[in-house]
């Protein structure tokens, strides 16, 4: 027998909902920080990792050690965030199997392209900031869609 979110008891529904709320607050704070440091623009992304003397706040080029630490921390932590979110979303039945597969896999592809793009911006090709921006948007859209669909199935879909 397969567990479905819509069949969860009220305690599990509340537990998952509170978890998703706290996770979303943390995710939103991260997005606000990205906007604060990069203005969510390709130029801002380039300046964040390559440095710039032309901003109100002086930004310096990130060293290889800083980049490794940044990439390591973000890839590990965000892969766990999307593993937890995806594990809950896997139990949903609100979307077709094709959409479910896409929403489960795309965040991991987007993590690799986002943070791989950041490494490329710093070490090889500053114009890859466009890849970082596009894949970051994809990551957010998948996150928002999974959270919305989970909450809809928990609280709006009748068994």
Protein backbone atom coordinates (compact mmCIF):
# COMPACT_ATOMS: atom_id res chain seq x y z
CA UNK A 1 0.00 0.00 0.00
CA UNK A 2 1.32 3.45 -0.94
CA UNK A 3 0.98 6.37 1.46
CA UNK A 4 -0.73 9.44 0.05
CA UNK A 5 -0.58 12.91 1.60
CA UNK A 6 -4.34 13.33 1.40
CA UNK A 7 -4.70 10.34 3.74
CA UNK A 8 -2.49 11.83 6.47
CA UNK A 9 -4.04 12.37 9.87
CA UNK A 10 -4.38 15.88 11.25
CA UNK A 11 -1.22 15.65 13.38
CA UNK A 12 0.96 14.69 10.39
CA UNK A 13 -0.71 17.36 8.24
CA UNK A 14 0.10 19.97 10.87
CA UNK A 15 3.68 18.68 11.28
CA UNK A 16 4.35 18.83 7.52
CA UNK A 17 2.70 22.25 7.22
CA UNK A 18 4.76 23.77 10.04
CA UNK A 19 7.93 22.22 8.58
CA UNK A 20 7.17 23.70 5.16
CA UNK A 21 6.45 27.12 6.69
CA UNK A 22 9.77 27.20 8.56
CA UNK A 23 11.65 25.85 5.51
CA UNK A 24 10.04 28.50 3.33
CA UNK A 25 11.00 31.29 5.73
CA UNK A 26 14.61 30.07 5.60
CA UNK A 27 14.50 29.78 1.80
CA UNK A 28 13.01 33.29 1.52
CA UNK A 29 15.72 34.77 3.74
CA UNK A 30 18.29 33.19 1.41
CA UNK A 31 16.56 34.74 -1.60
CA UNK A 32 16.47 38.16 0.06
CA UNK A 33 20.19 37.82 0.79
CA UNK A 34 20.90 36.93 -2.85
CA UNK A 35 18.89 39.96 -3.95
CA UNK A 36 20.75 42.15 -1.45
CA UNK A 37 24.19 41.01 -2.60
CA UNK A 38 23.57 40.71 -6.36
CA UNK A 39 20.41 42.72 -7.10
CA UNK A 40 19.35 39.48 -8.86
CA UNK A 41 21.06 40.64 -12.06
CA UNK A 42 23.81 39.06 -14.16
CA UNK A 43 26.07 42.07 -13.48
CA UNK A 44 25.43 41.79 -9.74
CA UNK A 45 26.29 38.09 -9.82
CA UNK A 46 29.55 38.83 -11.65
CA UNK A 47 30.47 41.57 -9.16
CA UNK A 48 29.69 39.32 -6.19
CA UNK A 49 32.24 36.69 -7.24
CA UNK A 50 34.72 38.67 -9.35
CA UNK A 51 34.76 41.78 -7.18
CA UNK A 52 34.03 45.40 -7.99
CA UNK A 53 35.21 48.79 -6.86
CA UNK A 54 32.25 50.51 -8.55
CA UNK A 55 29.58 49.66 -5.99
CA UNK A 56 28.59 51.46 -2.79
CA UNK A 57 29.96 48.47 -0.89
CA UNK A 58 33.41 47.36 -2.04
CA UNK A 59 33.35 43.77 -3.26
CA UNK A 60 36.48 41.69 -3.62
CA UNK A 61 37.23 38.72 -5.83
CA UNK A 62 36.52 35.46 -4.00
CA UNK A 63 39.56 33.24 -3.47
CA UNK A 64 39.60 29.61 -4.55
CA UNK A 65 39.25 28.55 -0.90
CA UNK A 66 36.23 30.81 -0.39
CA UNK A 67 34.64 29.46 -3.56
CA UNK A 68 35.16 25.83 -2.54
CA UNK A 69 33.64 26.48 0.87
CA UNK A 70 30.71 28.41 -0.63
CA UNK A 71 29.99 25.74 -3.25
CA UNK A 72 30.41 22.87 -0.79
CA UNK A 73 28.08 24.38 1.82
CA UNK A 74 25.38 25.42 -0.62
CA UNK A 75 25.32 22.23 -2.67
CA UNK A 76 25.17 19.98 0.40
CA UNK A 77 22.59 22.01 2.31
CA UNK A 78 20.31 22.75 -0.63
CA UNK A 79 20.44 19.15 -1.87
CA UNK A 80 19.18 18.11 1.59
CA UNK A 81 16.46 20.77 1.47
CA UNK A 82 15.27 19.45 -1.89
CA UNK A 83 15.61 15.83 -0.77
CA UNK A 84 13.34 16.50 2.23
CA UNK A 85 10.88 18.51 0.16
CA UNK A 86 10.92 15.94 -2.64
CA UNK A 87 10.39 13.07 -0.19
CA UNK A 88 7.19 14.71 1.02
CA UNK A 89 6.13 15.67 -2.51
CA UNK A 90 6.68 12.09 -3.68
CA UNK A 91 3.68 11.08 -1.56
CA UNK A 92 1.40 13.48 -3.40
CA UNK A 93 -1.06 12.40 -6.02
CA UNK A 94 -2.19 15.85 -7.13
CA UNK A 95 -0.12 15.96 -10.37
CA UNK A 96 0.57 13.52 -13.17
CA UNK A 97 3.57 11.17 -12.89
CA UNK A 98 5.37 13.19 -15.59
CA UNK A 99 5.06 16.47 -13.71
CA UNK A 100 5.93 14.76 -10.46
CA UNK A 101 9.12 13.35 -12.00
CA UNK A 102 10.04 16.75 -13.42
CA UNK A 103 9.49 18.55 -10.10
CA UNK A 104 11.50 15.91 -8.22
CA UNK A 105 14.49 15.91 -10.59
CA UNK A 106 14.73 19.49 -11.88
CA UNK A 107 15.83 21.06 -8.58
CA UNK A 108 18.92 18.85 -8.53
CA UNK A 109 19.75 19.73 -12.13
CA UNK A 110 19.18 23.40 -11.28
CA UNK A 111 21.45 23.12 -8.23
CA UNK A 112 24.26 21.80 -10.42
CA UNK A 113 23.75 24.44 -13.11
CA UNK A 114 23.34 27.27 -10.61
CA UNK A 115 26.43 26.50 -8.56
CA UNK A 116 28.39 25.17 -11.52
CA UNK A 117 27.54 28.45 -13.23
CA UNK A 118 28.80 30.39 -10.22
CA UNK A 119 32.09 28.49 -10.40
CA UNK A 120 32.30 29.26 -14.12
CA UNK A 121 31.59 32.96 -13.47
CA UNK A 122 34.47 33.09 -11.01
CA UNK A 123 37.02 30.92 -12.80
CA UNK A 124 36.21 30.89 -16.51
CA UNK A 125 33.37 32.86 -18.08
CA UNK A 126 31.69 35.84 -16.41
CA UNK A 127 28.87 35.76 -18.97
CA UNK A 128 27.70 32.48 -17.37
CA UNK A 129 25.93 34.72 -14.83
CA UNK A 130 22.92 34.36 -17.15
CA UNK A 131 22.93 30.59 -16.52
CA UNK A 132 23.06 31.25 -12.77
CA UNK A 133 20.08 33.58 -13.01
CA UNK A 134 17.94 31.29 -15.19
CA UNK A 135 18.69 28.12 -13.22
CA UNK A 136 18.13 29.97 -9.93
CA UNK A 137 14.69 31.02 -11.15
CA UNK A 138 13.95 27.42 -12.12
CA UNK A 139 15.01 26.28 -8.66
CA UNK A 140 12.65 28.77 -7.02
CA UNK A 141 9.72 27.87 -9.30
CA UNK A 142 10.13 24.15 -8.52
CA UNK A 143 10.36 24.89 -4.80
CA UNK A 144 7.24 27.07 -4.82
CA UNK A 145 5.29 24.59 -6.94
CA UNK A 146 6.10 21.64 -4.70
CA UNK A 147 5.24 23.52 -1.51
CA UNK A 148 1.96 24.82 -2.98
CA UNK A 149 0.97 21.39 -4.30
CA UNK A 150 1.81 19.66 -1.02
CA UNK A 151 -0.24 22.16 0.99
CA UNK A 152 -3.11 21.94 -1.49
CA UNK A 153 -3.21 18.17 -1.20
CA UNK A 154 -2.94 18.24 2.58
CA UNK A 155 -5.67 20.78 3.20
CA UNK A 156 -7.84 21.21 0.08
CA UNK A 157 -8.18 17.77 -1.52
CA UNK A 158 -10.83 15.57 0.03
CA UNK A 159 -10.21 11.83 0.50
